[in-house]
Amino acid sequence: MNWIEVSLQTDGEAAEAIADLLQQYGYQGVVIEQTGIEGDAWEGELPPPASLIVRAYLPDDDQVEEHKRRLENGLHHLARIYPMPETPTYRPIAEENWAEAWKVHYKPLRLGQRIYIRPAWLEGSPRPGDVEIILDPGAAFGTGTHPSTQLCLLAMEDAAPLPPRVLDLGCGSGILSIAAAKLGAAHVWALDIDPLAIKATQENAALNNMADAITAQEGSLESLLHSPRRFGLILVNILAKTIIPMCQQGLGHLVQPGGMGIFSGIIAEQADDVEAALRATSLMPYRRRTMGDWVAVEARREAD
């Protein structure tokens, strides 16, 4: 079978809306990446993340034209809410090439002072003192190219050495879990409701020789609220529309007294609402980081 690569260039909140739409038709997930990243570039050299590309792959079968029609119809309706192209770019991919097609878009990336993210299929050039993260995201979210992930990584680097017990809630590819383990956490609990994310996290932990430091399991906030586990740091890189209900369910109770949380996947205009929700769950916001339209909020729970 051959495949069709579908891609759209957009910005900010529209990228998430497009990804939700493409997820209905794409095979093995959807990729969101920042454009204009050159190989081995430092974070300070990156262009502002005003432009993102959303990619997915459709089977080129007898349903592909109907899927294209529905996709373009969905984009037409989204364009009434967000400025975006209504027609995607389509590119045919041969059967023997499609599984590798998306990999050509990723190159080694440097962030902050010493974070170095390297795709597993490429040779790298880490420098002495680098925290190297080797990654094959597979079908899971989290390659390091999305601003929300970069903001989390920068916040973690500044907070290092990290507390012994860390939770990565919605772990995706495991990139944040691996970074946490390499930045000082003794053990990281990585949870996701998607079994493909758990598989990716386990495989990437092994690639980085961190399998013993990371426990990746299917699970949700509810499963943790009924357990005695509490954490010095929680990482929640999801979306504001998910973080706010989590706060209402008691998200702050997972943070031990004196501990902190890093919350990302937030559009700038949503930051006030997220911070209000964090305060209601006993977490006090103390810093915002921004990258283009994206915001990460850092918050603490008061010590007893």
C-alpha atoms as a PDB file:
ATOM      1  CA  MET A   1       0.000   0.000   0.000  1.00  0.00           C
ATOM      2  CA  ASN A   2       1.116   3.550  -0.720  1.00  0.00           C
ATOM      3  CA  TRP A   3       0.526   6.533   1.569  1.00  0.00           C
ATOM      4  CA  ILE A   4      -0.328  10.218   1.408  1.00  0.00           C
ATOM      5  CA  GLU A   5       1.507  12.709   3.608  1.00  0.00           C
ATOM      6  CA  VAL A   6      -0.851  15.515   4.668  1.00  0.00           C
ATOM      7  CA  SER A   7       0.700  18.718   6.006  1.00  0.00           C
ATOM      8  CA  LEU A   8      -0.467  22.199   6.959  1.00  0.00           C
ATOM      9  CA  GLN A   9       1.562  25.180   8.105  1.00  0.00           C
ATOM     10  CA  THR A  10      -0.099  27.244  10.795  1.00  0.00           C
ATOM     11  CA  ASP A  11       0.555  28.832  14.174  1.00  0.00           C
ATOM     12  CA  GLY A  12      -0.388  28.758  17.842  1.00  0.00           C
ATOM     13  CA  GLU A  13      -3.710  27.347  18.949  1.00  0.00           C
ATOM     14  CA  ALA A  14      -4.713  26.455  15.392  1.00  0.00           C
ATOM     15  CA  ALA A  15      -2.034  23.733  15.362  1.00  0.00           C
ATOM     16  CA  GLU A  16      -3.772  21.873  18.173  1.00  0.00           C
ATOM     17  CA  ALA A  17      -7.158  22.151  16.474  1.00  0.00           C
ATOM     18  CA  ILE A  18      -5.710  20.847  13.198  1.00  0.00           C
ATOM     19  CA  ALA A  19      -3.947  17.999  15.010  1.00  0.00           C
ATOM     20  CA  ASP A  20      -7.238  16.940  16.619  1.00  0.00           C
ATOM     21  CA  LEU A  21      -8.838  16.865  13.169  1.00  0.00           C
ATOM     22  CA  LEU A  22      -5.986  14.977  11.478  1.00  0.00           C
ATOM     23  CA  GLN A  23      -5.947  12.449  14.317  1.00  0.00           C
ATOM     24  CA  GLN A  24      -9.283  11.140  13.036  1.00  0.00           C
ATOM     25  CA  TYR A  25      -7.734  10.101   9.720  1.00  0.00           C
ATOM     26  CA  GLY A  26      -3.966   9.828  10.227  1.00  0.00           C
ATOM     27  CA  TYR A  27      -2.139   6.546  10.730  1.00  0.00           C
ATOM     28  CA  GLN A  28       0.250   6.225  13.721  1.00  0.00           C
ATOM     29  CA  GLY A  29      -0.527   9.625  15.131  1.00  0.00           C
ATOM     30  CA  VAL A  30       0.099  13.264  14.235  1.00  0.00           C
ATOM     31  CA  VAL A  31       3.350  15.236  14.370  1.00  0.00           C
ATOM     32  CA  ILE A  32       3.567  18.947  15.250  1.00  0.00           C
ATOM     33  CA  GLU A  33       6.923  20.581  14.552  1.00  0.00           C
ATOM     34  CA  GLN A  34       8.430  24.042  14.621  1.00  0.00           C
ATOM     35  CA  THR A  35       9.672  25.240  11.255  1.00  0.00           C
ATOM     36  CA  GLY A  36      13.088  26.698  10.525  1.00  0.00           C
ATOM     37  CA  ILE A  37      15.132  24.589  12.959  1.00  0.00           C
ATOM     38  CA  GLU A  38      18.639  23.995  11.675  1.00  0.00           C
ATOM     39  CA  GLY A  39      20.680  21.018  12.774  1.00  0.00           C
ATOM     40  CA  ASP A  40      22.648  21.451  16.018  1.00  0.00           C
ATOM     41  CA  ALA A  41      21.196  24.926  16.601  1.00  0.00           C
ATOM     42  CA  TRP A  42      21.135  26.327  20.116  1.00  0.00           C
ATOM     43  CA  GLU A  43      17.811  27.375  21.595  1.00  0.00           C
ATOM     44  CA  GLY A  44      18.795  31.036  21.443  1.00  0.00           C
ATOM     45  CA  GLU A  45      19.390  30.691  17.708  1.00  0.00           C
ATOM     46  CA  LEU A  46      15.945  29.292  16.967  1.00  0.00           C
ATOM     47  CA  PRO A  47      13.410  31.461  15.157  1.00  0.00           C
ATOM     48  CA  PRO A  48      10.299  32.460  17.147  1.00  0.00           C
ATOM     49  CA  PRO A  49       7.805  29.572  16.963  1.00  0.00           C
ATOM     50  CA  ALA A  50       5.245  31.594  15.023  1.00  0.00           C
ATOM     51  CA  SER A  51       5.052  28.863  12.403  1.00  0.00           C
ATOM     52  CA  LEU A  52       4.303  25.194  13.009  1.00  0.00           C
ATOM     53  CA  ILE A  53       3.728  22.309  10.616  1.00  0.00           C
ATOM     54  CA  VAL A  54       1.189  19.598  11.411  1.00  0.00           C
ATOM     55  CA  ARG A  55       1.715  16.292   9.568  1.00  0.00           C
ATOM     56  CA  ALA A  56      -0.182  13.029   9.287  1.00  0.00           C
ATOM     57  CA  TYR A  57      -0.204  10.033   6.922  1.00  0.00           C
ATOM     58  CA  LEU A  58      -3.268   8.602   5.190  1.00  0.00           C
ATOM     59  CA  PRO A  59      -3.465   5.140   3.587  1.00  0.00           C
ATOM     60  CA  ASP A  60      -3.790   5.640  -0.178  1.00  0.00           C
ATOM     61  CA  ASP A  61      -6.743   3.260  -0.499  1.00  0.00           C
ATOM     62  CA  ASP A  62     -10.285   3.403  -1.874  1.00  0.00           C
ATOM     63  CA  GLN A  63     -11.330   5.680   1.019  1.00  0.00           C
ATOM     64  CA  VAL A  64      -8.602   8.298   0.642  1.00  0.00           C
ATOM     65  CA  GLU A  65     -10.629  10.708  -1.514  1.00  0.00           C
ATOM     66  CA  GLU A  66     -13.512  10.588   0.957  1.00  0.00           C
ATOM     67  CA  HIS A  67     -11.071  11.173   3.826  1.00  0.00           C
ATOM     68  CA  LYS A  68      -9.606  14.156   1.965  1.00  0.00           C
ATOM     69  CA  ARG A  69     -13.088  15.571   1.409  1.00  0.00           C
ATOM     70  CA  ARG A  70     -14.017  15.236   5.067  1.00  0.00           C
ATOM     71  CA  LEU A  71     -10.677  16.646   6.157  1.00  0.00           C
ATOM     72  CA  GLU A  72     -10.997  19.702   3.917  1.00  0.00           C
ATOM     73  CA  ASN A  73     -14.585  20.198   5.059  1.00  0.00           C
ATOM     74  CA  GLY A  74     -13.394  20.133   8.670  1.00  0.00           C
ATOM     75  CA  LEU A  75     -10.644  22.628   7.881  1.00  0.00           C
ATOM     76  CA  HIS A  76     -13.184  24.898   6.215  1.00  0.00           C
ATOM     77  CA  HIS A  77     -15.191  25.011   9.447  1.00  0.00           C
ATOM     78  CA  LEU A  78     -12.068  25.508  11.590  1.00  0.00           C
ATOM     79  CA  ALA A  79     -11.019  28.416   9.374  1.00  0.00           C
ATOM     80  CA  ARG A  80     -14.048  30.307  10.646  1.00  0.00           C
ATOM     81  CA  ILE A  81     -12.473  30.229  14.103  1.00  0.00           C
ATOM     82  CA  TYR A  82      -8.711  30.258  13.430  1.00  0.00           C
ATOM     83  CA  PRO A  83      -6.800  31.774  10.494  1.00  0.00           C
ATOM     84  CA  MET A  84      -5.450  28.774   8.599  1.00  0.00           C
ATOM     85  CA  PRO A  85      -5.122  27.272   5.137  1.00  0.00           C
ATOM     86  CA  GLU A  86      -8.241  25.344   4.191  1.00  0.00           C
ATOM     87  CA  THR A  87      -6.403  23.072   1.735  1.00  0.00           C
ATOM     88  CA  PRO A  88      -3.577  20.844   2.988  1.00  0.00           C
ATOM     89  CA  THR A  89      -0.466  19.931   1.045  1.00  0.00           C
ATOM     90  CA  TYR A  90      -0.602  16.313  -0.121  1.00  0.00           C
ATOM     91  CA  ARG A  91       2.499  14.286  -0.999  1.00  0.00           C
ATOM     92  CA  PRO A  92       2.478  10.647  -2.137  1.00  0.00           C
ATOM     93  CA  ILE A  93       4.796   8.274  -0.268  1.00  0.00           C
ATOM     94  CA  ALA A  94       5.687   4.833  -1.600  1.00  0.00           C
ATOM     95  CA  GLU A  95       5.151   1.803   0.634  1.00  0.00           C
ATOM     96  CA  GLU A  96       8.867   1.183   1.038  1.00  0.00           C
ATOM     97  CA  ASN A  97       9.495   4.802   2.092  1.00  0.00           C
ATOM     98  CA  TRP A  98       6.519   5.895   4.165  1.00  0.00           C
ATOM     99  CA  ALA A  99       7.655   4.552   7.554  1.00  0.00           C
ATOM    100  CA  GLU A 100      10.804   6.671   7.306  1.00  0.00           C
ATOM    101  CA  ALA A 101       9.251   9.714   5.624  1.00  0.00           C
ATOM    102  CA  TRP A 102       8.518  11.731   8.758  1.00  0.00           C
ATOM    103  CA  LYS A 103      12.020  11.176  10.137  1.00  0.00           C
ATOM    104  CA  VAL A 104      13.628  13.471   7.558  1.00  0.00           C
ATOM    105  CA  HIS A 105      12.044  16.447   9.303  1.00  0.00           C
ATOM    106  CA  TYR A 106      14.019  15.988  12.548  1.00  0.00           C
ATOM    107  CA  LYS A 107      17.584  17.014  13.309  1.00  0.00           C
ATOM    108  CA  PRO A 108      19.604  17.275  16.537  1.00  0.00           C
ATOM    109  CA  LEU A 109      18.455  20.208  18.631  1.00  0.00           C
ATOM    110  CA  ARG A 110      20.099  22.124  21.465  1.00  0.00           C
ATOM    111  CA  LEU A 111      18.092  23.863  24.191  1.00  0.00           C
ATOM    112  CA  GLY A 112      19.090  26.007  27.124  1.00  0.00           C
ATOM    113  CA  GLN A 113      22.633  25.554  28.372  1.00  0.00           C
ATOM    114  CA  ARG A 114      23.165  21.828  27.963  1.00  0.00           C
ATOM    115  CA  ILE A 115      20.121  19.926  26.684  1.00  0.00           C
ATOM    116  CA  TYR A 116      20.867  18.089  23.443  1.00  0.00           C
ATOM    117  CA  ILE A 117      18.041  16.154  21.746  1.00  0.00           C
ATOM    118  CA  ARG A 118      19.137  13.652  19.114  1.00  0.00           C
ATOM    119  CA  PRO A 119      16.903  11.529  16.885  1.00  0.00           C
ATOM    120  CA  ALA A 120      17.852   7.889  17.421  1.00  0.00           C
ATOM    121  CA  TRP A 121      18.472   7.322  13.696  1.00  0.00           C
ATOM    122  CA  LEU A 122      21.094  10.125  13.412  1.00  0.00           C
ATOM    123  CA  GLU A 123      24.656  10.450  14.634  1.00  0.00           C
ATOM    124  CA  GLY A 124      25.114  13.295  17.075  1.00  0.00           C
ATOM    125  CA  SER A 125      27.833  15.567  18.392  1.00  0.00           C
ATOM    126  CA  PRO A 126      27.144  16.133  22.103  1.00  0.00           C
ATOM    127  CA  ARG A 127      29.548  18.408  23.906  1.00  0.00           C
ATOM    128  CA  PRO A 128      31.134  17.733  27.300  1.00  0.00           C
ATOM    129  CA  GLY A 129      28.512  18.309  29.978  1.00  0.00           C
ATOM    130  CA  ASP A 130      25.538  17.976  27.602  1.00  0.00           C
ATOM    131  CA  VAL A 131      22.401  16.223  28.810  1.00  0.00           C
ATOM    132  CA  GLU A 132      21.814  14.086  25.720  1.00  0.00           C
ATOM    133  CA  ILE A 133      18.311  12.780  25.072  1.00  0.00           C
ATOM    134  CA  ILE A 134      18.107  10.128  22.345  1.00  0.00           C
ATOM    135  CA  LEU A 135      14.611   9.906  20.960  1.00  0.00           C
ATOM    136  CA  ASP A 136      12.482   7.859  18.582  1.00  0.00           C
ATOM    137  CA  PRO A 137       8.952   9.156  19.180  1.00  0.00           C
ATOM    138  CA  GLY A 138       7.221   6.536  17.035  1.00  0.00           C
ATOM    139  CA  ALA A 139       3.495   7.254  17.155  1.00  0.00           C
ATOM    140  CA  ALA A 140       3.694   9.263  20.390  1.00  0.00           C
ATOM    141  CA  PHE A 141       3.667  13.019  20.917  1.00  0.00           C
ATOM    142  CA  GLY A 142       6.937  14.637  21.959  1.00  0.00           C
ATOM    143  CA  THR A 143       9.935  15.224  19.706  1.00  0.00           C
ATOM    144  CA  GLY A 144      11.337  18.365  21.285  1.00  0.00           C
ATOM    145  CA  THR A 145      10.371  20.540  18.319  1.00  0.00           C
ATOM    146  CA  HIS A 146       7.083  21.733  19.792  1.00  0.00           C
ATOM    147  CA  PRO A 147       7.328  24.947  21.862  1.00  0.00           C
ATOM    148  CA  SER A 148       5.331  23.459  24.743  1.00  0.00           C
ATOM    149  CA  THR A 149       7.895  20.653  25.128  1.00  0.00           C
ATOM    150  CA  GLN A 150      10.812  23.065  24.828  1.00  0.00           C
ATOM    151  CA  LEU A 151       9.371  25.278  27.573  1.00  0.00           C
ATOM    152  CA  CYS A 152       9.108  22.286  29.916  1.00  0.00           C
ATOM    153  CA  LEU A 153      12.690  21.248  29.207  1.00  0.00           C
ATOM    154  CA  LEU A 154      14.007  24.758  29.859  1.00  0.00           C
ATOM    155  CA  ALA A 155      12.096  24.960  33.145  1.00  0.00           C
ATOM    156  CA  MET A 156      13.450  21.566  34.206  1.00  0.00           C
ATOM    157  CA  GLU A 157      17.019  22.562  33.377  1.00  0.00           C
ATOM    158  CA  ASP A 158      16.701  25.694  35.510  1.00  0.00           C
ATOM    159  CA  ALA A 159      15.247  23.665  38.411  1.00  0.00           C
ATOM    160  CA  ALA A 160      17.991  21.000  38.351  1.00  0.00           C
ATOM    161  CA  PRO A 161      18.947  19.034  40.291  1.00  0.00           C
ATOM    162  CA  LEU A 162      15.370  17.806  40.325  1.00  0.00           C
ATOM    163  CA  PRO A 163      13.621  16.245  43.336  1.00  0.00           C
ATOM    164  CA  PRO A 164      13.966  12.474  43.798  1.00  0.00           C
ATOM    165  CA  ARG A 165      10.348  11.652  42.869  1.00  0.00           C
ATOM    166  CA  VAL A 166       8.912  13.046  39.624  1.00  0.00           C
ATOM    167  CA  LEU A 167       5.617  12.439  37.815  1.00  0.00           C
ATOM    168  CA  ASP A 168       5.261  12.883  34.042  1.00  0.00           C
ATOM    169  CA  LEU A 169       1.503  12.927  33.501  1.00  0.00           C
ATOM    170  CA  GLY A 170       0.725  12.408  29.822  1.00  0.00           C
ATOM    171  CA  CYS A 171       4.240  11.203  29.009  1.00  0.00           C
ATOM    172  CA  GLY A 172       3.896  10.823  25.224  1.00  0.00           C
ATOM    173  CA  SER A 173       7.276   9.791  23.802  1.00  0.00           C
ATOM    174  CA  GLY A 174       8.914   9.949  27.244  1.00  0.00           C
ATOM    175  CA  ILE A 175      11.112  12.932  26.417  1.00  0.00           C
ATOM    176  CA  LEU A 176      10.326  14.760  29.667  1.00  0.00           C
ATOM    177  CA  SER A 177      10.702  11.607  31.762  1.00  0.00           C
ATOM    178  CA  ILE A 178      14.151  10.966  30.305  1.00  0.00           C
ATOM    179  CA  ALA A 179      15.175  14.575  30.827  1.00  0.00           C
ATOM    180  CA  ALA A 180      13.973  14.430  34.441  1.00  0.00           C
ATOM    181  CA  ALA A 181      15.981  11.275  35.144  1.00  0.00           C
ATOM    182  CA  LYS A 182      19.091  12.799  33.581  1.00  0.00           C
ATOM    183  CA  LEU A 183      18.593  16.057  35.497  1.00  0.00           C
ATOM    184  CA  GLY A 184      18.712  14.414  38.903  1.00  0.00           C
ATOM    185  CA  ALA A 185      15.434  12.614  39.635  1.00  0.00           C
ATOM    186  CA  ALA A 186      15.957   9.274  41.343  1.00  0.00           C
ATOM    187  CA  HIS A 187      12.750   7.863  39.848  1.00  0.00           C
ATOM    188  CA  VAL A 188      10.151   9.061  37.372  1.00  0.00           C
ATOM    189  CA  TRP A 189       6.605   7.732  37.093  1.00  0.00           C
ATOM    190  CA  ALA A 190       5.448   8.190  33.487  1.00  0.00           C
ATOM    191  CA  LEU A 191       1.703   7.844  32.914  1.00  0.00           C
ATOM    192  CA  ASP A 192      -0.393   8.057  29.766  1.00  0.00           C
ATOM    193  CA  ILE A 193      -3.782   6.732  28.702  1.00  0.00           C
ATOM    194  CA  ASP A 194      -2.369   5.768  25.281  1.00  0.00           C
ATOM    195  CA  PRO A 195      -0.644   2.365  25.171  1.00  0.00           C
ATOM    196  CA  LEU A 196       1.462   3.536  22.203  1.00  0.00           C
ATOM    197  CA  ALA A 197       2.860   6.313  24.394  1.00  0.00           C
ATOM    198  CA  ILE A 198       3.789   3.821  27.105  1.00  0.00           C
ATOM    199  CA  LYS A 199       5.546   1.622  24.550  1.00  0.00           C
ATOM    200  CA  ALA A 200       7.437   4.629  23.156  1.00  0.00           C
ATOM    201  CA  THR A 201       8.449   5.803  26.630  1.00  0.00           C
ATOM    202  CA  GLN A 202       9.742   2.373  27.607  1.00  0.00           C
ATOM    203  CA  GLU A 203      11.715   2.035  24.388  1.00  0.00           C
ATOM    204  CA  ASN A 204      13.190   5.524  24.642  1.00  0.00           C
ATOM    205  CA  ALA A 205      14.080   5.005  28.302  1.00  0.00           C
ATOM    206  CA  ALA A 206      16.037   1.922  27.256  1.00  0.00           C
ATOM    207  CA  LEU A 207      17.756   3.852  24.439  1.00  0.00           C
ATOM    208  CA  ASN A 208      18.971   6.327  27.056  1.00  0.00           C
ATOM    209  CA  ASN A 209      19.973   3.662  29.628  1.00  0.00           C
ATOM    210  CA  MET A 210      17.258   5.004  31.934  1.00  0.00           C
ATOM    211  CA  ALA A 211      14.918   2.013  32.044  1.00  0.00           C
ATOM    212  CA  ASP A 212      15.621   1.429  35.742  1.00  0.00           C
ATOM    213  CA  ALA A 213      14.856   5.053  36.605  1.00  0.00           C
ATOM    214  CA  ILE A 214      11.542   5.332  34.729  1.00  0.00           C
ATOM    215  CA  THR A 215       8.333   3.406  35.373  1.00  0.00           C
ATOM    216  CA  ALA A 216       5.967   3.833  32.415  1.00  0.00           C
ATOM    217  CA  GLN A 217       2.387   2.654  32.922  1.00  0.00           C
ATOM    218  CA  GLU A 218      -1.050   3.195  31.457  1.00  0.00           C
ATOM    219  CA  GLY A 219      -2.946   5.372  33.869  1.00  0.00           C
ATOM    220  CA  SER A 220      -4.644   8.653  34.577  1.00  0.00           C
ATOM    221  CA  LEU A 221      -4.898  11.299  37.255  1.00  0.00           C
ATOM    222  CA  GLU A 222      -7.756   9.413  38.896  1.00  0.00           C
ATOM    223  CA  SER A 223      -5.609   6.328  39.424  1.00  0.00           C
ATOM    224  CA  LEU A 224      -2.958   8.419  41.197  1.00  0.00           C
ATOM    225  CA  LEU A 225      -5.372  10.307  43.433  1.00  0.00           C
ATOM    226  CA  HIS A 226      -6.335   6.990  45.040  1.00  0.00           C
ATOM    227  CA  SER A 227      -2.700   6.010  45.663  1.00  0.00           C
ATOM    228  CA  PRO A 228      -0.347   7.227  48.432  1.00  0.00           C
ATOM    229  CA  ARG A 229       2.289   8.456  45.932  1.00  0.00           C
ATOM    230  CA  ARG A 230       3.219  12.126  46.126  1.00  0.00           C
ATOM    231  CA  PHE A 231       5.903  13.894  44.101  1.00  0.00           C
ATOM    232  CA  GLY A 232       8.446  16.658  44.449  1.00  0.00           C
ATOM    233  CA  LEU A 233       7.813  17.640  40.822  1.00  0.00           C
ATOM    234  CA  ILE A 234       4.946  16.970  38.436  1.00  0.00           C
ATOM    235  CA  LEU A 235       5.171  17.596  34.688  1.00  0.00           C
ATOM    236  CA  VAL A 236       1.915  18.176  32.818  1.00  0.00           C
ATOM    237  CA  ASN A 237       2.474  18.998  29.143  1.00  0.00           C
ATOM    238  CA  ILE A 238      -1.029  18.504  27.771  1.00  0.00           C
ATOM    239  CA  LEU A 239      -3.520  21.292  26.977  1.00  0.00           C
ATOM    240  CA  ALA A 240      -5.229  23.983  29.040  1.00  0.00           C
ATOM    241  CA  LYS A 241      -8.622  22.366  28.393  1.00  0.00           C
ATOM    242  CA  THR A 242      -7.280  19.234  30.125  1.00  0.00           C
ATOM    243  CA  ILE A 243      -5.193  20.874  32.861  1.00  0.00           C
ATOM    244  CA  ILE A 244      -8.097  22.939  34.218  1.00  0.00           C
ATOM    245  CA  PRO A 245     -10.437  19.945  34.800  1.00  0.00           C
ATOM    246  CA  MET A 246      -7.506  18.053  36.347  1.00  0.00           C
ATOM    247  CA  CYS A 247      -7.099  20.884  38.841  1.00  0.00           C
ATOM    248  CA  GLN A 248     -10.796  20.600  39.686  1.00  0.00           C
ATOM    249  CA  GLN A 249     -10.261  16.882  40.340  1.00  0.00           C
ATOM    250  CA  GLY A 250      -7.448  17.568  42.826  1.00  0.00           C
ATOM    251  CA  LEU A 251      -4.257  17.673  40.749  1.00  0.00           C
ATOM    252  CA  GLY A 252      -2.459  19.742  43.382  1.00  0.00           C
ATOM    253  CA  HIS A 253      -2.742  16.932  45.917  1.00  0.00           C
ATOM    254  CA  LEU A 254      -0.136  14.961  43.965  1.00  0.00           C
ATOM    255  CA  VAL A 255       2.518  17.553  44.816  1.00  0.00           C
ATOM    256  CA  GLN A 256       4.181  17.058  48.170  1.00  0.00           C
ATOM    257  CA  PRO A 257       4.513  20.100  50.454  1.00  0.00           C
ATOM    258  CA  GLY A 258       7.286  22.314  49.113  1.00  0.00           C
ATOM    259  CA  GLY A 259       7.146  20.614  45.734  1.00  0.00           C
ATOM    260  CA  MET A 260       6.480  22.145  42.340  1.00  0.00           C
ATOM    261  CA  GLY A 261       4.731  21.585  39.033  1.00  0.00           C
ATOM    262  CA  ILE A 262       5.464  22.593  35.448  1.00  0.00           C
ATOM    263  CA  PHE A 263       2.357  22.992  33.274  1.00  0.00           C
ATOM    264  CA  SER A 264       2.574  23.499  29.524  1.00  0.00           C
ATOM    265  CA  GLY A 265       0.562  23.172  26.318  1.00  0.00           C
ATOM    266  CA  ILE A 266      -1.093  26.500  27.178  1.00  0.00           C
ATOM    267  CA  ILE A 267      -1.946  29.290  24.731  1.00  0.00           C
ATOM    268  CA  ALA A 268      -1.202  32.795  26.033  1.00  0.00           C
ATOM    269  CA  GLU A 269      -4.836  33.829  26.398  1.00  0.00           C
ATOM    270  CA  GLN A 270      -5.518  30.709  28.476  1.00  0.00           C
ATOM    271  CA  ALA A 271      -2.743  31.326  31.013  1.00  0.00           C
ATOM    272  CA  ASP A 272      -4.845  33.359  33.472  1.00  0.00           C
ATOM    273  CA  ASP A 273      -7.510  30.644  33.598  1.00  0.00           C
ATOM    274  CA  VAL A 274      -4.899  27.940  34.150  1.00  0.00           C
ATOM    275  CA  GLU A 275      -3.232  29.895  36.939  1.00  0.00           C
ATOM    276  CA  ALA A 276      -6.597  30.437  38.641  1.00  0.00           C
ATOM    277  CA  ALA A 277      -7.264  26.699  38.462  1.00  0.00           C
ATOM    278  CA  LEU A 278      -3.812  25.954  39.915  1.00  0.00           C
ATOM    279  CA  ARG A 279      -4.458  28.287  42.855  1.00  0.00           C
ATOM    280  CA  ALA A 280      -7.747  26.515  43.532  1.00  0.00           C
ATOM    281  CA  THR A 281      -5.861  23.217  43.830  1.00  0.00           C
ATOM    282  CA  SER A 282      -3.304  24.641  46.327  1.00  0.00           C
ATOM    283  CA  LEU A 283      -0.552  25.372  43.812  1.00  0.00           C
ATOM    284  CA  MET A 284       0.796  28.933  43.686  1.00  0.00           C
ATOM    285  CA  PRO A 285       2.042  30.068  40.252  1.00  0.00           C
ATOM    286  CA  TYR A 286       5.338  31.947  40.456  1.00  0.00           C
ATOM    287  CA  ARG A 287       6.661  32.062  36.891  1.00  0.00           C
ATOM    288  CA  ARG A 288       5.481  32.097  33.289  1.00  0.00           C
ATOM    289  CA  ARG A 289       7.724  31.183  30.381  1.00  0.00           C
ATOM    290  CA  THR A 290       6.671  32.145  26.896  1.00  0.00           C
ATOM    291  CA  MET A 291       7.661  31.067  23.400  1.00  0.00           C
ATOM    292  CA  GLY A 292       5.593  32.702  20.695  1.00  0.00           C
ATOM    293  CA  ASP A 293       1.927  32.014  21.513  1.00  0.00           C
ATOM    294  CA  TRP A 294       2.786  29.263  24.006  1.00  0.00           C
ATOM    295  CA  VAL A 295       3.110  29.516  27.780  1.00  0.00           C
ATOM    296  CA  ALA A 296       4.427  27.246  30.517  1.00  0.00           C
ATOM    297  CA  VAL A 297       3.452  27.970  34.115  1.00  0.00           C
ATOM    298  CA  GLU A 298       5.577  26.975  37.100  1.00  0.00           C
ATOM    299  CA  ALA A 299       3.845  26.655  40.455  1.00  0.00           C
ATOM    300  CA  ARG A 300       4.691  25.537  43.990  1.00  0.00           C
ATOM    301  CA  ARG A 301       2.829  24.006  46.875  1.00  0.00           C
ATOM    302  CA  GLU A 302       3.580  25.669  50.179  1.00  0.00           C
ATOM    303  CA  ALA A 303       5.683  23.724  52.646  1.00  0.00           C
ATOM    304  CA  ASP A 304       3.949  22.552  55.816  1.00  0.00           C
END
